Full PDB file with SEQRES, HELIX, SHEET, SSBOND, CRYST1, ORIGX, SCALE, CONECT and MASTER records, all heavy atoms in Angstrom:
SEQRES   1 A   29  LYS LEU VAL GLU PRO ARG THR ASP ALA GLN LYS ALA TYR          
SEQRES   2 A   29  VAL GLN SER LEU PHE GLU HIS GLU LEU ALA PHE GLY ILE          
SEQRES   3 A   29  GLY PRO ALA                                                  
HELIX    1 AA1 ASP A    8  GLU A   19  1                                  12    
CRYST1    1.000    1.000    1.000  90.00  90.00  90.00 P 1           1          
ORIGX1      1.000000  0.000000  0.000000        0.00000                         
ORIGX2      0.000000  1.000000  0.000000        0.00000                         
ORIGX3      0.000000  0.000000  1.000000        0.00000                         
SCALE1      1.000000  0.000000  0.000000        0.00000                         
SCALE2      0.000000  1.000000  0.000000        0.00000                         
SCALE3      0.000000  0.000000  1.000000        0.00000                         
ATOM      1  N   LYS A   1      80.512  63.191 123.689  1.00  0.00           N  
ATOM      2  CA  LYS A   1      80.865  62.390 122.573  1.00  0.00           C  
ATOM      3  C   LYS A   1      80.162  62.982 121.264  1.00  0.00           C  
ATOM      4  O   LYS A   1      79.148  63.738 121.523  1.00  0.00           O  
ATOM      5  CB  LYS A   1      80.546  61.123 122.806  1.00  0.00           C  
ATOM      6  CG  LYS A   1      79.064  60.751 122.857  1.00  0.00           C  
ATOM      7  CD  LYS A   1      78.836  59.289 123.330  1.00  0.00           C  
ATOM      8  CE  LYS A   1      79.188  58.109 122.350  1.00  0.00           C  
ATOM      9  NZ  LYS A   1      78.878  56.839 122.867  1.00  0.00           N  
ATOM     10  N   LEU A   2      80.681  62.679 120.146  1.00  0.00           N  
ATOM     11  CA  LEU A   2      80.035  62.927 119.049  1.00  0.00           C  
ATOM     12  C   LEU A   2      79.272  61.658 118.540  1.00  0.00           C  
ATOM     13  O   LEU A   2      79.828  60.518 118.533  1.00  0.00           O  
ATOM     14  CB  LEU A   2      81.023  63.241 117.828  1.00  0.00           C  
ATOM     15  CG  LEU A   2      81.686  64.666 117.936  1.00  0.00           C  
ATOM     16  CD1 LEU A   2      82.785  64.778 116.935  1.00  0.00           C  
ATOM     17  CD2 LEU A   2      80.726  65.713 117.779  1.00  0.00           C  
ATOM     18  N   VAL A   3      77.999  61.826 118.180  1.00  0.00           N  
ATOM     19  CA  VAL A   3      77.119  60.662 117.787  1.00  0.00           C  
ATOM     20  C   VAL A   3      76.911  60.738 116.307  1.00  0.00           C  
ATOM     21  O   VAL A   3      76.430  61.720 115.850  1.00  0.00           O  
ATOM     22  CB  VAL A   3      75.893  60.712 118.660  1.00  0.00           C  
ATOM     23  CG1 VAL A   3      74.988  59.496 118.299  1.00  0.00           C  
ATOM     24  CG2 VAL A   3      76.125  60.769 120.080  1.00  0.00           C  
ATOM     25  N   GLU A   4      77.100  59.606 115.722  1.00  0.00           N  
ATOM     26  CA  GLU A   4      76.955  59.526 114.278  1.00  0.00           C  
ATOM     27  C   GLU A   4      75.902  58.424 113.869  1.00  0.00           C  
ATOM     28  O   GLU A   4      76.023  57.290 114.322  1.00  0.00           O  
ATOM     29  CB  GLU A   4      78.252  59.408 113.501  1.00  0.00           C  
ATOM     30  CG  GLU A   4      79.280  60.339 113.783  1.00  0.00           C  
ATOM     31  CD  GLU A   4      80.752  60.114 113.072  1.00  0.00           C  
ATOM     32  OE1 GLU A   4      80.693  60.072 111.896  1.00  0.00           O  
ATOM     33  OE2 GLU A   4      81.542  59.705 113.907  1.00  0.00           O  
ATOM     34  N   PRO A   5      75.026  58.758 113.079  1.00  0.00           N  
ATOM     35  CA  PRO A   5      74.057  57.585 112.533  1.00  0.00           C  
ATOM     36  C   PRO A   5      74.970  56.576 111.877  1.00  0.00           C  
ATOM     37  O   PRO A   5      75.867  56.940 111.091  1.00  0.00           O  
ATOM     38  CB  PRO A   5      73.103  58.289 111.619  1.00  0.00           C  
ATOM     39  CG  PRO A   5      73.144  59.728 111.936  1.00  0.00           C  
ATOM     40  CD  PRO A   5      74.728  60.006 112.614  1.00  0.00           C  
ATOM     41  N   ARG A   6      74.511  55.400 112.062  1.00  0.00           N  
ATOM     42  CA  ARG A   6      75.318  54.194 111.410  1.00  0.00           C  
ATOM     43  C   ARG A   6      74.480  53.511 110.179  1.00  0.00           C  
ATOM     44  O   ARG A   6      75.009  52.687 109.673  1.00  0.00           O  
ATOM     45  CB  ARG A   6      75.491  53.151 112.604  1.00  0.00           C  
ATOM     46  CG  ARG A   6      76.729  53.771 113.448  1.00  0.00           C  
ATOM     47  CD  ARG A   6      76.844  52.990 114.726  1.00  0.00           C  
ATOM     48  NE  ARG A   6      77.043  51.403 114.463  1.00  0.00           N  
ATOM     49  CZ  ARG A   6      77.388  50.645 115.606  1.00  0.00           C  
ATOM     50  NH1 ARG A   6      77.342  51.073 116.665  1.00  0.00           N  
ATOM     51  NH2 ARG A   6      77.593  49.364 115.175  1.00  0.00           N  
ATOM     52  N   THR A   7      73.297  53.972 109.936  1.00  0.00           N  
ATOM     53  CA  THR A   7      72.549  53.286 108.880  1.00  0.00           C  
ATOM     54  C   THR A   7      71.926  54.561 108.035  1.00  0.00           C  
ATOM     55  O   THR A   7      71.777  55.591 108.665  1.00  0.00           O  
ATOM     56  CB  THR A   7      71.555  52.277 109.215  1.00  0.00           C  
ATOM     57  OG1 THR A   7      70.552  52.992 109.843  1.00  0.00           O  
ATOM     58  CG2 THR A   7      72.184  51.313 110.114  1.00  0.00           C  
ATOM     59  N   ASP A   8      71.473  54.327 106.872  1.00  0.00           N  
ATOM     60  CA  ASP A   8      70.726  55.337 106.216  1.00  0.00           C  
ATOM     61  C   ASP A   8      69.387  55.730 106.766  1.00  0.00           C  
ATOM     62  O   ASP A   8      69.051  56.851 106.793  1.00  0.00           O  
ATOM     63  CB  ASP A   8      70.521  54.949 104.680  1.00  0.00           C  
ATOM     64  CG  ASP A   8      71.769  54.809 103.911  1.00  0.00           C  
ATOM     65  OD1 ASP A   8      72.518  55.658 104.141  1.00  0.00           O  
ATOM     66  OD2 ASP A   8      71.882  53.914 102.945  1.00  0.00           O  
ATOM     67  N   ALA A   9      68.728  54.682 107.421  1.00  0.00           N  
ATOM     68  CA  ALA A   9      67.476  54.935 108.131  1.00  0.00           C  
ATOM     69  C   ALA A   9      67.794  55.750 109.419  1.00  0.00           C  
ATOM     70  O   ALA A   9      66.974  56.731 109.609  1.00  0.00           O  
ATOM     71  CB  ALA A   9      66.780  53.612 108.426  1.00  0.00           C  
ATOM     72  N   GLN A  10      68.883  55.506 110.105  1.00  0.00           N  
ATOM     73  CA  GLN A  10      69.205  56.325 111.288  1.00  0.00           C  
ATOM     74  C   GLN A  10      69.407  57.912 110.804  1.00  0.00           C  
ATOM     75  O   GLN A  10      69.092  58.778 111.535  1.00  0.00           O  
ATOM     76  CB  GLN A  10      70.397  55.768 112.053  1.00  0.00           C  
ATOM     77  CG  GLN A  10      70.081  54.606 112.781  1.00  0.00           C  
ATOM     78  CD  GLN A  10      71.101  54.223 113.823  1.00  0.00           C  
ATOM     79  OE1 GLN A  10      72.275  54.829 113.687  1.00  0.00           O  
ATOM     80  NE2 GLN A  10      71.039  53.283 114.614  1.00  0.00           N  
ATOM     81  N   LYS A  11      70.189  58.045 109.815  1.00  0.00           N  
ATOM     82  CA  LYS A  11      70.512  59.408 109.231  1.00  0.00           C  
ATOM     83  C   LYS A  11      69.267  60.137 108.833  1.00  0.00           C  
ATOM     84  O   LYS A  11      69.126  61.289 109.260  1.00  0.00           O  
ATOM     85  CB  LYS A  11      71.437  59.150 108.012  1.00  0.00           C  
ATOM     86  CG  LYS A  11      71.962  60.542 107.533  1.00  0.00           C  
ATOM     87  CD  LYS A  11      73.051  60.323 106.407  1.00  0.00           C  
ATOM     88  CE  LYS A  11      73.656  61.495 105.791  1.00  0.00           C  
ATOM     89  NZ  LYS A  11      74.550  61.278 104.862  1.00  0.00           N  
ATOM     90  N   ALA A  12      68.272  59.444 108.168  1.00  0.00           N  
ATOM     91  CA  ALA A  12      67.003  60.128 107.758  1.00  0.00           C  
ATOM     92  C   ALA A  12      66.248  60.515 109.149  1.00  0.00           C  
ATOM     93  O   ALA A  12      65.596  61.585 109.162  1.00  0.00           O  
ATOM     94  CB  ALA A  12      66.171  59.271 106.937  1.00  0.00           C  
ATOM     95  N   TYR A  13      66.326  59.664 110.085  1.00  0.00           N  
ATOM     96  CA  TYR A  13      65.613  59.750 111.336  1.00  0.00           C  
ATOM     97  C   TYR A  13      66.182  61.000 112.111  1.00  0.00           C  
ATOM     98  O   TYR A  13      65.424  61.959 112.543  1.00  0.00           O  
ATOM     99  CB  TYR A  13      65.839  58.646 112.197  1.00  0.00           C  
ATOM    100  CG  TYR A  13      65.180  58.673 113.579  1.00  0.00           C  
ATOM    101  CD1 TYR A  13      63.876  58.942 113.868  1.00  0.00           C  
ATOM    102  CD2 TYR A  13      66.001  58.337 114.679  1.00  0.00           C  
ATOM    103  CE1 TYR A  13      63.373  58.863 115.129  1.00  0.00           C  
ATOM    104  CE2 TYR A  13      65.541  58.415 115.986  1.00  0.00           C  
ATOM    105  CZ  TYR A  13      64.249  58.668 116.110  1.00  0.00           C  
ATOM    106  OH  TYR A  13      63.775  58.623 117.376  1.00  0.00           O  
ATOM    107  N   VAL A  14      67.485  61.088 112.127  1.00  0.00           N  
ATOM    108  CA  VAL A  14      68.052  62.371 112.849  1.00  0.00           C  
ATOM    109  C   VAL A  14      67.639  63.629 112.144  1.00  0.00           C  
ATOM    110  O   VAL A  14      67.431  64.623 112.701  1.00  0.00           O  
ATOM    111  CB  VAL A  14      69.637  62.130 112.807  1.00  0.00           C  
ATOM    112  CG1 VAL A  14      70.181  63.384 113.252  1.00  0.00           C  
ATOM    113  CG2 VAL A  14      70.058  60.888 113.814  1.00  0.00           C  
ATOM    114  N   GLN A  15      67.747  63.611 110.846  1.00  0.00           N  
ATOM    115  CA  GLN A  15      67.382  64.792 110.075  1.00  0.00           C  
ATOM    116  C   GLN A  15      65.897  65.248 110.295  1.00  0.00           C  
ATOM    117  O   GLN A  15      65.597  66.383 110.489  1.00  0.00           O  
ATOM    118  CB  GLN A  15      67.566  64.510 108.503  1.00  0.00           C  
ATOM    119  CG  GLN A  15      69.089  64.526 108.203  1.00  0.00           C  
ATOM    120  CD  GLN A  15      69.409  64.224 106.686  1.00  0.00           C  
ATOM    121  OE1 GLN A  15      68.698  63.404 106.127  1.00  0.00           O  
ATOM    122  NE2 GLN A  15      70.431  64.724 106.187  1.00  0.00           N  
ATOM    123  N   SER A  16      65.051  64.088 110.473  1.00  0.00           N  
ATOM    124  CA  SER A  16      63.701  64.537 110.746  1.00  0.00           C  
ATOM    125  C   SER A  16      63.557  65.019 112.130  1.00  0.00           C  
ATOM    126  O   SER A  16      62.645  66.001 112.336  1.00  0.00           O  
ATOM    127  CB  SER A  16      62.818  63.245 110.654  1.00  0.00           C  
ATOM    128  OG  SER A  16      62.737  62.683 109.391  1.00  0.00           O  
ATOM    129  N   LEU A  17      64.392  64.632 113.192  1.00  0.00           N  
ATOM    130  CA  LEU A  17      64.312  65.152 114.473  1.00  0.00           C  
ATOM    131  C   LEU A  17      64.613  66.591 114.520  1.00  0.00           C  
ATOM    132  O   LEU A  17      63.956  67.365 115.290  1.00  0.00           O  
ATOM    133  CB  LEU A  17      65.183  64.512 115.424  1.00  0.00           C  
ATOM    134  CG  LEU A  17      64.999  62.871 115.595  1.00  0.00           C  
ATOM    135  CD1 LEU A  17      65.845  62.346 116.569  1.00  0.00           C  
ATOM    136  CD2 LEU A  17      63.395  62.609 115.956  1.00  0.00           C  
ATOM    137  N   PHE A  18      65.533  67.036 113.674  1.00  0.00           N  
ATOM    138  CA  PHE A  18      65.912  68.527 113.582  1.00  0.00           C  
ATOM    139  C   PHE A  18      64.886  69.279 112.839  1.00  0.00           C  
ATOM    140  O   PHE A  18      64.811  70.458 113.033  1.00  0.00           O  
ATOM    141  CB  PHE A  18      67.256  68.653 113.010  1.00  0.00           C  
ATOM    142  CG  PHE A  18      68.477  68.411 114.034  1.00  0.00           C  
ATOM    143  CD1 PHE A  18      69.228  67.274 113.871  1.00  0.00           C  
ATOM    144  CD2 PHE A  18      68.656  69.210 115.046  1.00  0.00           C  
ATOM    145  CE1 PHE A  18      70.246  66.944 114.856  1.00  0.00           C  
ATOM    146  CE2 PHE A  18      69.612  69.041 115.968  1.00  0.00           C  
ATOM    147  CZ  PHE A  18      70.472  67.862 115.809  1.00  0.00           C  
ATOM    148  N   GLU A  19      64.276  68.608 111.778  1.00  0.00           N  
ATOM    149  CA  GLU A  19      63.348  69.435 110.816  1.00  0.00           C  
ATOM    150  C   GLU A  19      61.974  69.453 111.197  1.00  0.00           C  
ATOM    151  O   GLU A  19      61.280  70.333 110.774  1.00  0.00           O  
ATOM    152  CB  GLU A  19      63.488  68.794 109.450  1.00  0.00           C  
ATOM    153  CG  GLU A  19      64.966  68.954 108.845  1.00  0.00           C  
ATOM    154  CD  GLU A  19      65.037  68.244 107.606  1.00  0.00           C  
ATOM    155  OE1 GLU A  19      64.230  67.472 107.177  1.00  0.00           O  
ATOM    156  OE2 GLU A  19      66.127  68.445 106.893  1.00  0.00           O  
ATOM    157  N   HIS A  20      61.438  68.617 112.170  1.00  0.00           N  
ATOM    158  CA  HIS A  20      60.090  68.542 112.426  1.00  0.00           C  
ATOM    159  C   HIS A  20      59.801  68.752 113.936  1.00  0.00           C  
ATOM    160  O   HIS A  20      60.579  68.289 114.832  1.00  0.00           O  
ATOM    161  CB  HIS A  20      59.372  67.106 112.011  1.00  0.00           C  
ATOM    162  CG  HIS A  20      59.415  66.953 110.484  1.00  0.00           C  
ATOM    163  ND1 HIS A  20      60.556  66.337 109.923  1.00  0.00           N  
ATOM    164  CD2 HIS A  20      58.608  67.201 109.569  1.00  0.00           C  
ATOM    165  CE1 HIS A  20      60.272  66.406 108.605  1.00  0.00           C  
ATOM    166  NE2 HIS A  20      59.106  66.822 108.358  1.00  0.00           N  
ATOM    167  N   GLU A  21      58.673  69.348 114.251  1.00  0.00           N  
ATOM    168  CA  GLU A  21      58.305  69.561 115.532  1.00  0.00           C  
ATOM    169  C   GLU A  21      57.712  68.349 116.209  1.00  0.00           C  
ATOM    170  O   GLU A  21      57.755  68.134 117.458  1.00  0.00           O  
ATOM    171  CB  GLU A  21      57.262  70.742 115.718  1.00  0.00           C  
ATOM    172  CG  GLU A  21      57.919  72.051 115.340  1.00  0.00           C  
ATOM    173  CD  GLU A  21      56.928  73.312 115.467  1.00  0.00           C  
ATOM    174  OE1 GLU A  21      55.746  72.979 115.381  1.00  0.00           O  
ATOM    175  OE2 GLU A  21      57.393  74.452 115.556  1.00  0.00           O  
ATOM    176  N   LEU A  22      57.257  67.399 115.427  1.00  0.00           N  
ATOM    177  CA  LEU A  22      56.675  66.147 115.921  1.00  0.00           C  
ATOM    178  C   LEU A  22      57.257  65.027 115.068  1.00  0.00           C  
ATOM    179  O   LEU A  22      56.971  65.027 113.775  1.00  0.00           O  
ATOM    180  CB  LEU A  22      55.185  66.194 115.960  1.00  0.00           C  
ATOM    181  CG  LEU A  22      54.417  64.853 116.464  1.00  0.00           C  
ATOM    182  CD1 LEU A  22      55.000  64.358 117.830  1.00  0.00           C  
ATOM    183  CD2 LEU A  22      52.971  64.998 116.389  1.00  0.00           C  
ATOM    184  N   ALA A  23      57.902  64.142 115.592  1.00  0.00           N  
ATOM    185  CA  ALA A  23      58.521  62.966 114.739  1.00  0.00           C  
ATOM    186  C   ALA A  23      58.332  61.709 115.461  1.00  0.00           C  
ATOM    187  O   ALA A  23      58.350  61.566 116.731  1.00  0.00           O  
ATOM    188  CB  ALA A  23      60.035  63.261 114.510  1.00  0.00           C  
ATOM    189  N   PHE A  24      58.063  60.646 114.702  1.00  0.00           N  
ATOM    190  CA  PHE A  24      57.869  59.271 115.098  1.00  0.00           C  
ATOM    191  C   PHE A  24      59.091  58.384 114.597  1.00  0.00           C  
ATOM    192  O   PHE A  24      59.416  58.514 113.450  1.00  0.00           O  
ATOM    193  CB  PHE A  24      56.535  58.728 114.549  1.00  0.00           C  
ATOM    194  CG  PHE A  24      55.347  59.321 115.381  1.00  0.00           C  
ATOM    195  CD1 PHE A  24      54.869  60.474 115.010  1.00  0.00           C  
ATOM    196  CD2 PHE A  24      54.678  58.468 116.281  1.00  0.00           C  
ATOM    197  CE1 PHE A  24      53.674  60.973 115.662  1.00  0.00           C  
ATOM    198  CE2 PHE A  24      53.589  58.933 116.906  1.00  0.00           C  
ATOM    199  CZ  PHE A  24      53.033  60.168 116.666  1.00  0.00           C  
ATOM    200  N   GLY A  25      59.603  57.487 115.568  1.00  0.00           N  
ATOM    201  CA  GLY A  25      60.584  56.588 115.164  1.00  0.00           C  
ATOM    202  C   GLY A  25      60.000  55.246 115.489  1.00  0.00           C  
ATOM    203  O   GLY A  25      59.838  54.863 116.747  1.00  0.00           O  
ATOM    204  N   ILE A  26      59.789  54.356 114.538  1.00  0.00           N  
ATOM    205  CA  ILE A  26      59.036  53.112 114.832  1.00  0.00           C  
ATOM    206  C   ILE A  26      60.002  51.985 114.230  1.00  0.00           C  
ATOM    207  O   ILE A  26      60.325  51.946 113.070  1.00  0.00           O  
ATOM    208  CB  ILE A  26      57.611  53.078 114.099  1.00  0.00           C  
ATOM    209  CG1 ILE A  26      56.796  54.264 114.728  1.00  0.00           C  
ATOM    210  CG2 ILE A  26      57.028  51.747 114.249  1.00  0.00           C  
ATOM    211  CD1 ILE A  26      55.444  54.463 113.970  1.00  0.00           C  
ATOM    212  N   GLY A  27      60.182  50.967 115.053  1.00  0.00           N  
ATOM    213  CA  GLY A  27      60.917  49.753 114.596  1.00  0.00           C  
ATOM    214  C   GLY A  27      61.356  49.029 115.685  1.00  0.00           C  
ATOM    215  O   GLY A  27      61.240  49.179 116.877  1.00  0.00           O  
ATOM    216  N   PRO A  28      62.194  47.801 115.382  1.00  0.00           N  
ATOM    217  CA  PRO A  28      62.530  46.964 116.481  1.00  0.00           C  
ATOM    218  C   PRO A  28      63.617  47.384 117.381  1.00  0.00           C  
ATOM    219  O   PRO A  28      64.156  48.420 117.246  1.00  0.00           O  
ATOM    220  CB  PRO A  28      63.101  45.775 115.675  1.00  0.00           C  
ATOM    221  CG  PRO A  28      63.495  46.344 114.370  1.00  0.00           C  
ATOM    222  CD  PRO A  28      62.560  47.512 114.073  1.00  0.00           C  
ATOM    223  N   ALA A  29      63.756  46.723 118.518  1.00  0.00           N  
ATOM    224  CA  ALA A  29      64.854  46.934 119.538  1.00  0.00           C  
ATOM    225  C   ALA A  29      66.184  47.108 118.886  1.00  0.00           C  
ATOM    226  O   ALA A  29      66.551  46.296 117.953  1.00  0.00           O  
ATOM    227  CB  ALA A  29      64.782  45.963 120.546  1.00  0.00           C  
TER     228      ALA A  29                                                      
MASTER        0    0    0    1    0    0    0    6  227    1    0    3          
END                                                                             
């Protein structure tokens, strides 16, 4: 499947995952 971020925070997170060698994602379930 193609996966698309559904919020601006998710979009920024995905970009960080591709751009940084170490990334943290912190937040609720």
